[in-house]
Structure formats: C-alpha cells, structure tokens
Amino acid sequence: EVAADERFKDKPVIVTGKIQSISKD
C-alpha cells in the first residue's frame, strides 16, 4: 500500500475491469 500510494495517489488513472456492482453510497 505504501508503494502504491507513492505511485498512484492523487494521480489520474484509467481502469478497465468487469463490473462487480453498481450502487450508491
């Protein structure tokens, strides 16, 4: 998690994957 935050936190990403769920918080 520490390394991933360094690499990704507050940065734009494009993710592709299978939808597990669609909902509201």
PDB file of all heavy atoms in Angstrom:
ATOM      1  N   GLU A   1       0.814  -1.214   0.000  1.00  0.00           N
ATOM      2  CA  GLU A   1       0.000   0.000   0.000  1.00  0.00           C
ATOM      3  C   GLU A   1       0.852   1.270   0.000  1.00  0.00           C
ATOM      4  O   GLU A   1       0.518   2.254  -0.658  1.00  0.00           O
ATOM      5  CB  GLU A   1      -0.942   0.001   1.207  1.00  0.00           C
ATOM      6  CG  GLU A   1      -1.941   1.126   1.181  1.00  0.00           C
ATOM      7  CD  GLU A   1      -2.996   1.024   2.254  1.00  0.00           C
ATOM      8  OE1 GLU A   1      -3.177  -0.065   2.845  1.00  0.00           O
ATOM      9  OE2 GLU A   1      -3.661   2.041   2.508  1.00  0.00           O
ATOM     10  N   VAL A   2       1.965   1.265   0.711  1.00  0.00           N
ATOM     11  CA  VAL A   2       2.837   2.447   0.776  1.00  0.00           C
ATOM     12  C   VAL A   2       3.408   2.749  -0.612  1.00  0.00           C
ATOM     13  O   VAL A   2       3.369   3.893  -1.078  1.00  0.00           O
ATOM     14  CB  VAL A   2       3.961   2.251   1.815  1.00  0.00           C
ATOM     15  CG1 VAL A   2       4.959   3.406   1.769  1.00  0.00           C
ATOM     16  CG2 VAL A   2       3.368   2.108   3.216  1.00  0.00           C
ATOM     17  N   ALA A   3       3.932   1.732  -1.277  1.00  0.00           N
ATOM     18  CA  ALA A   3       4.495   1.921  -2.618  1.00  0.00           C
ATOM     19  C   ALA A   3       3.415   2.335  -3.616  1.00  0.00           C
ATOM     20  O   ALA A   3       3.646   3.194  -4.481  1.00  0.00           O
ATOM     21  CB  ALA A   3       5.186   0.647  -3.082  1.00  0.00           C
ATOM     22  N   ALA A   4       2.226   1.742  -3.507  1.00  0.00           N
ATOM     23  CA  ALA A   4       1.138   2.080  -4.428  1.00  0.00           C
ATOM     24  C   ALA A   4       0.687   3.524  -4.242  1.00  0.00           C
ATOM     25  O   ALA A   4       0.408   4.216  -5.224  1.00  0.00           O
ATOM     26  CB  ALA A   4      -0.032   1.115  -4.233  1.00  0.00           C
ATOM     27  N   ASP A   5       0.628   3.996  -2.998  1.00  0.00           N
ATOM     28  CA  ASP A   5       0.289   5.403  -2.764  1.00  0.00           C
ATOM     29  C   ASP A   5       1.311   6.321  -3.420  1.00  0.00           C
ATOM     30  O   ASP A   5       0.952   7.335  -4.026  1.00  0.00           O
ATOM     31  CB  ASP A   5       0.214   5.715  -1.263  1.00  0.00           C
ATOM     32  CG  ASP A   5      -1.197   5.623  -0.708  1.00  0.00           C
ATOM     33  OD1 ASP A   5      -2.158   5.494  -1.493  1.00  0.00           O
ATOM     34  OD2 ASP A   5      -1.336   5.702   0.526  1.00  0.00           O
ATOM     35  N   GLU A   6       2.587   5.987  -3.301  1.00  0.00           N
ATOM     36  CA  GLU A   6       3.635   6.792  -3.935  1.00  0.00           C
ATOM     37  C   GLU A   6       3.424   6.857  -5.446  1.00  0.00           C
ATOM     38  O   GLU A   6       3.642   7.886  -6.067  1.00  0.00           O
ATOM     39  CB  GLU A   6       5.021   6.211  -3.648  1.00  0.00           C
ATOM     40  CG  GLU A   6       5.508   6.451  -2.242  1.00  0.00           C
ATOM     41  CD  GLU A   6       5.866   7.907  -1.992  1.00  0.00           C
ATOM     42  OE1 GLU A   6       6.486   8.539  -2.867  1.00  0.00           O
ATOM     43  OE2 GLU A   6       5.506   8.403  -0.910  1.00  0.00           O
ATOM     44  N   ARG A   7       3.004   5.760  -6.016  1.00  0.00           N
ATOM     45  CA  ARG A   7       2.849   5.672  -7.467  1.00  0.00           C
ATOM     46  C   ARG A   7       1.536   6.247  -7.982  1.00  0.00           C
ATOM     47  O   ARG A   7       1.495   6.868  -9.048  1.00  0.00           O
ATOM     48  CB  ARG A   7       2.968   4.207  -7.873  1.00  0.00           C
ATOM     49  CG  ARG A   7       2.947   3.989  -9.340  1.00  0.00           C
ATOM     50  CD  ARG A   7       3.238   2.545  -9.675  1.00  0.00           C
ATOM     51  NE  ARG A   7       3.058   2.328 -11.098  1.00  0.00           N
ATOM     52  CZ  ARG A   7       2.891   1.156 -11.643  1.00  0.00           C
ATOM     53  NH1 ARG A   7       2.902   0.064 -10.907  1.00  0.00           N
ATOM     54  NH2 ARG A   7       2.721   1.040 -12.937  1.00  0.00           N
ATOM     55  N   PHE A   8       0.426   6.056  -7.230  1.00  0.00           N
ATOM     56  CA  PHE A   8      -0.897   6.358  -7.763  1.00  0.00           C
ATOM     57  C   PHE A   8      -1.689   7.454  -7.056  1.00  0.00           C
ATOM     58  O   PHE A   8      -2.555   8.070  -7.681  1.00  0.00           O
ATOM     59  CB  PHE A   8      -1.770   5.093  -7.759  1.00  0.00           C
ATOM     60  CG  PHE A   8      -1.263   4.003  -8.639  1.00  0.00           C
ATOM     61  CD1 PHE A   8      -0.736   2.841  -8.092  1.00  0.00           C
ATOM     62  CD2 PHE A   8      -1.300   4.118 -10.017  1.00  0.00           C
ATOM     63  CE1 PHE A   8      -0.267   1.814  -8.893  1.00  0.00           C
ATOM     64  CE2 PHE A   8      -0.837   3.109 -10.836  1.00  0.00           C
ATOM     65  CZ  PHE A   8      -0.315   1.946 -10.276  1.00  0.00           C
ATOM     66  N   LYS A   9      -1.463   7.683  -5.769  1.00  0.00           N
ATOM     67  CA  LYS A   9      -2.326   8.599  -5.006  1.00  0.00           C
ATOM     68  C   LYS A   9      -2.348  10.001  -5.611  1.00  0.00           C
ATOM     69  O   LYS A   9      -1.321  10.566  -5.936  1.00  0.00           O
ATOM     70  CB  LYS A   9      -1.881   8.675  -3.543  1.00  0.00           C
ATOM     71  CG  LYS A   9      -2.863   9.449  -2.692  1.00  0.00           C
ATOM     72  CD  LYS A   9      -2.550   9.349  -1.237  1.00  0.00           C
ATOM     73  CE  LYS A   9      -3.613  10.118  -0.475  1.00  0.00           C
ATOM     74  NZ  LYS A   9      -3.491   9.960   0.932  1.00  0.00           N
ATOM     75  N   ASP A  10      -3.564  10.527  -5.774  1.00  0.00           N
ATOM     76  CA  ASP A  10      -3.830  11.857  -6.329  1.00  0.00           C
ATOM     77  C   ASP A  10      -3.403  11.996  -7.789  1.00  0.00           C
ATOM     78  O   ASP A  10      -3.211  13.109  -8.278  1.00  0.00           O
ATOM     79  CB  ASP A  10      -3.183  12.957  -5.477  1.00  0.00           C
ATOM     80  CG  ASP A  10      -3.763  13.013  -4.077  1.00  0.00           C
ATOM     81  OD1 ASP A  10      -4.984  12.795  -3.932  1.00  0.00           O
ATOM     82  OD2 ASP A  10      -3.004  13.253  -3.124  1.00  0.00           O
ATOM     83  N   LYS A  11      -3.278  10.877  -8.489  1.00  0.00           N
ATOM     84  CA  LYS A  11      -2.897  10.901  -9.899  1.00  0.00           C
ATOM     85  C   LYS A  11      -4.037  10.337 -10.743  1.00  0.00           C
ATOM     86  O   LYS A  11      -4.778   9.464 -10.299  1.00  0.00           O
ATOM     87  CB  LYS A  11      -1.622  10.097 -10.118  1.00  0.00           C
ATOM     88  CG  LYS A  11      -0.444  10.732  -9.418  1.00  0.00           C
ATOM     89  CD  LYS A  11       0.817   9.984  -9.647  1.00  0.00           C
ATOM     90  CE  LYS A  11       1.931  10.701  -8.880  1.00  0.00           C
ATOM     91  NZ  LYS A  11       2.987   9.823  -8.510  1.00  0.00           N
ATOM     92  N   PRO A  12      -4.154  10.830 -11.978  1.00  0.00           N
ATOM     93  CA  PRO A  12      -5.205  10.302 -12.863  1.00  0.00           C
ATOM     94  C   PRO A  12      -4.878   8.891 -13.329  1.00  0.00           C
ATOM     95  O   PRO A  12      -3.707   8.556 -13.554  1.00  0.00           O
ATOM     96  CB  PRO A  12      -5.210  11.286 -14.033  1.00  0.00           C
ATOM     97  CG  PRO A  12      -3.866  11.921 -14.021  1.00  0.00           C
ATOM     98  CD  PRO A  12      -3.387  11.902 -12.598  1.00  0.00           C
ATOM     99  N   VAL A  13      -5.917   8.080 -13.442  1.00  0.00           N
ATOM    100  CA  VAL A  13      -5.777   6.707 -13.927  1.00  0.00           C
ATOM    101  C   VAL A  13      -6.935   6.383 -14.860  1.00  0.00           C
ATOM    102  O   VAL A  13      -7.978   7.027 -14.830  1.00  0.00           O
ATOM    103  CB  VAL A  13      -5.749   5.667 -12.778  1.00  0.00           C
ATOM    104  CG1 VAL A  13      -4.518   5.835 -11.912  1.00  0.00           C
ATOM    105  CG2 VAL A  13      -7.016   5.723 -11.948  1.00  0.00           C
ATOM    106  N   ILE A  14      -6.724   5.379 -15.673  1.00  0.00           N
ATOM    107  CA  ILE A  14      -7.797   4.781 -16.465  1.00  0.00           C
ATOM    108  C   ILE A  14      -7.792   3.306 -16.106  1.00  0.00           C
ATOM    109  O   ILE A  14      -6.747   2.650 -16.199  1.00  0.00           O
ATOM    110  CB  ILE A  14      -7.577   4.972 -17.975  1.00  0.00           C
ATOM    111  CG1 ILE A  14      -7.597   6.461 -18.318  1.00  0.00           C
ATOM    112  CG2 ILE A  14      -8.653   4.226 -18.762  1.00  0.00           C
ATOM    113  CD1 ILE A  14      -7.265   6.765 -19.761  1.00  0.00           C
ATOM    114  N   VAL A  15      -8.927   2.816 -15.621  1.00  0.00           N
ATOM    115  CA  VAL A  15      -9.029   1.421 -15.206  1.00  0.00           C
ATOM    116  C   VAL A  15     -10.086   0.716 -16.056  1.00  0.00           C
ATOM    117  O   VAL A  15     -11.101   1.300 -16.409  1.00  0.00           O
ATOM    118  CB  VAL A  15      -9.359   1.269 -13.703  1.00  0.00           C
ATOM    119  CG1 VAL A  15      -8.206   1.750 -12.854  1.00  0.00           C
ATOM    120  CG2 VAL A  15     -10.613   2.015 -13.331  1.00  0.00           C
ATOM    121  N   THR A  16      -9.812  -0.524 -16.369  1.00  0.00           N
ATOM    122  CA  THR A  16     -10.747  -1.360 -17.121  1.00  0.00           C
ATOM    123  C   THR A  16     -10.936  -2.652 -16.339  1.00  0.00           C
ATOM    124  O   THR A  16      -9.963  -3.226 -15.852  1.00  0.00           O
ATOM    125  CB  THR A  16     -10.206  -1.677 -18.521  1.00  0.00           C
ATOM    126  OG1 THR A  16     -10.017  -0.457 -19.231  1.00  0.00           O
ATOM    127  CG2 THR A  16     -11.169  -2.568 -19.300  1.00  0.00           C
ATOM    128  N   GLY A  17     -12.171  -3.072 -16.194  1.00  0.00           N
ATOM    129  CA  GLY A  17     -12.429  -4.318 -15.493  1.00  0.00           C
ATOM    130  C   GLY A  17     -13.880  -4.722 -15.581  1.00  0.00           C
ATOM    131  O   GLY A  17     -14.727  -3.991 -16.098  1.00  0.00           O
ATOM    132  N   LYS A  18     -14.140  -5.898 -15.052  1.00  0.00           N
ATOM    133  CA  LYS A  18     -15.500  -6.440 -15.009  1.00  0.00           C
ATOM    134  C   LYS A  18     -16.242  -5.768 -13.853  1.00  0.00           C
ATOM    135  O   LYS A  18     -15.710  -5.649 -12.747  1.00  0.00           O
ATOM    136  CB  LYS A  18     -15.449  -7.940 -14.805  1.00  0.00           C
ATOM    137  CG  LYS A  18     -16.794  -8.622 -14.914  1.00  0.00           C
ATOM    138  CD  LYS A  18     -16.652 -10.099 -14.684  1.00  0.00           C
ATOM    139  CE  LYS A  18     -17.065 -10.805 -15.940  1.00  0.00           C
ATOM    140  NZ  LYS A  18     -17.068 -12.257 -15.778  1.00  0.00           N
ATOM    141  N   ILE A  19     -17.467  -5.354 -14.116  1.00  0.00           N
ATOM    142  CA  ILE A  19     -18.275  -4.677 -13.098  1.00  0.00           C
ATOM    143  C   ILE A  19     -18.759  -5.688 -12.074  1.00  0.00           C
ATOM    144  O   ILE A  19     -19.461  -6.644 -12.405  1.00  0.00           O
ATOM    145  CB  ILE A  19     -19.467  -3.937 -13.721  1.00  0.00           C
ATOM    146  CG1 ILE A  19     -18.961  -2.831 -14.648  1.00  0.00           C
ATOM    147  CG2 ILE A  19     -20.379  -3.366 -12.634  1.00  0.00           C
ATOM    148  CD1 ILE A  19     -20.059  -2.149 -15.441  1.00  0.00           C
ATOM    149  N   GLN A  20     -18.361  -5.456 -10.818  1.00  0.00           N
ATOM    150  CA  GLN A  20     -18.801  -6.296  -9.707  1.00  0.00           C
ATOM    151  C   GLN A  20     -20.131  -5.788  -9.148  1.00  0.00           C
ATOM    152  O   GLN A  20     -20.999  -6.562  -8.786  1.00  0.00           O
ATOM    153  CB  GLN A  20     -17.736  -6.283  -8.598  1.00  0.00           C
ATOM    154  CG  GLN A  20     -18.072  -7.164  -7.429  1.00  0.00           C
ATOM    155  CD  GLN A  20     -17.109  -6.944  -6.294  1.00  0.00           C
ATOM    156  OE1 GLN A  20     -17.549  -6.676  -5.188  1.00  0.00           O
ATOM    157  NE2 GLN A  20     -15.823  -7.055  -6.534  1.00  0.00           N
ATOM    158  N   SER A  21     -20.265  -4.444  -9.073  1.00  0.00           N
ATOM    159  CA  SER A  21     -21.525  -3.872  -8.586  1.00  0.00           C
ATOM    160  C   SER A  21     -21.665  -2.420  -9.033  1.00  0.00           C
ATOM    161  O   SER A  21     -20.688  -1.759  -9.352  1.00  0.00           O
ATOM    162  CB  SER A  21     -21.634  -3.972  -7.064  1.00  0.00           C
ATOM    163  OG  SER A  21     -20.675  -3.152  -6.446  1.00  0.00           O
ATOM    164  N   ILE A  22     -22.918  -1.974  -9.056  1.00  0.00           N
ATOM    165  CA  ILE A  22     -23.278  -0.586  -9.359  1.00  0.00           C
ATOM    166  C   ILE A  22     -24.249  -0.181  -8.266  1.00  0.00           C
ATOM    167  O   ILE A  22     -25.280  -0.823  -8.080  1.00  0.00           O
ATOM    168  CB  ILE A  22     -23.963  -0.468 -10.735  1.00  0.00           C
ATOM    169  CG1 ILE A  22     -23.087  -1.082 -11.833  1.00  0.00           C
ATOM    170  CG2 ILE A  22     -24.292   0.996 -11.054  1.00  0.00           C
ATOM    171  CD1 ILE A  22     -23.829  -1.322 -13.132  1.00  0.00           C
ATOM    172  N   SER A  23     -23.913   0.887  -7.530  1.00  0.00           N
ATOM    173  CA  SER A  23     -24.752   1.247  -6.393  1.00  0.00           C
ATOM    174  C   SER A  23     -24.580   2.724  -6.051  1.00  0.00           C
ATOM    175  O   SER A  23     -24.003   3.479  -6.831  1.00  0.00           O
ATOM    176  CB  SER A  23     -24.382   0.363  -5.196  1.00  0.00           C
ATOM    177  OG  SER A  23     -25.357   0.466  -4.186  1.00  0.00           O
ATOM    178  N   LYS A  24     -25.080   3.114  -4.874  1.00  0.00           N
ATOM    179  CA  LYS A  24     -24.934   4.482  -4.341  1.00  0.00           C
ATOM    180  C   LYS A  24     -24.401   4.381  -2.932  1.00  0.00           C
ATOM    181  O   LYS A  24     -24.724   3.442  -2.196  1.00  0.00           O
ATOM    182  CB  LYS A  24     -26.279   5.200  -4.324  1.00  0.00           C
ATOM    183  CG  LYS A  24     -26.835   5.486  -5.684  1.00  0.00           C
ATOM    184  CD  LYS A  24     -28.155   6.229  -5.560  1.00  0.00           C
ATOM    185  CE  LYS A  24     -28.764   6.486  -6.919  1.00  0.00           C
ATOM    186  NZ  LYS A  24     -30.062   7.178  -6.797  1.00  0.00           N
ATOM    187  N   ASP A  25     -23.601   5.393  -2.530  1.00  0.00           N
ATOM    188  CA  ASP A  25     -23.099   5.428  -1.157  1.00  0.00           C
ATOM    189  C   ASP A  25     -24.157   6.030  -0.228  1.00  0.00           C
ATOM    190  O   ASP A  25     -25.287   6.329  -0.663  1.00  0.00           O
ATOM    191  CB  ASP A  25     -21.761   6.171  -1.072  1.00  0.00           C
ATOM    192  CG  ASP A  25     -21.856   7.663  -1.362  1.00  0.00           C
ATOM    193  OD1 ASP A  25     -22.975   8.222  -1.430  1.00  0.00           O
ATOM    194  OD2 ASP A  25     -20.783   8.283  -1.517  1.00  0.00           O
TER     195      ASP A  25
END
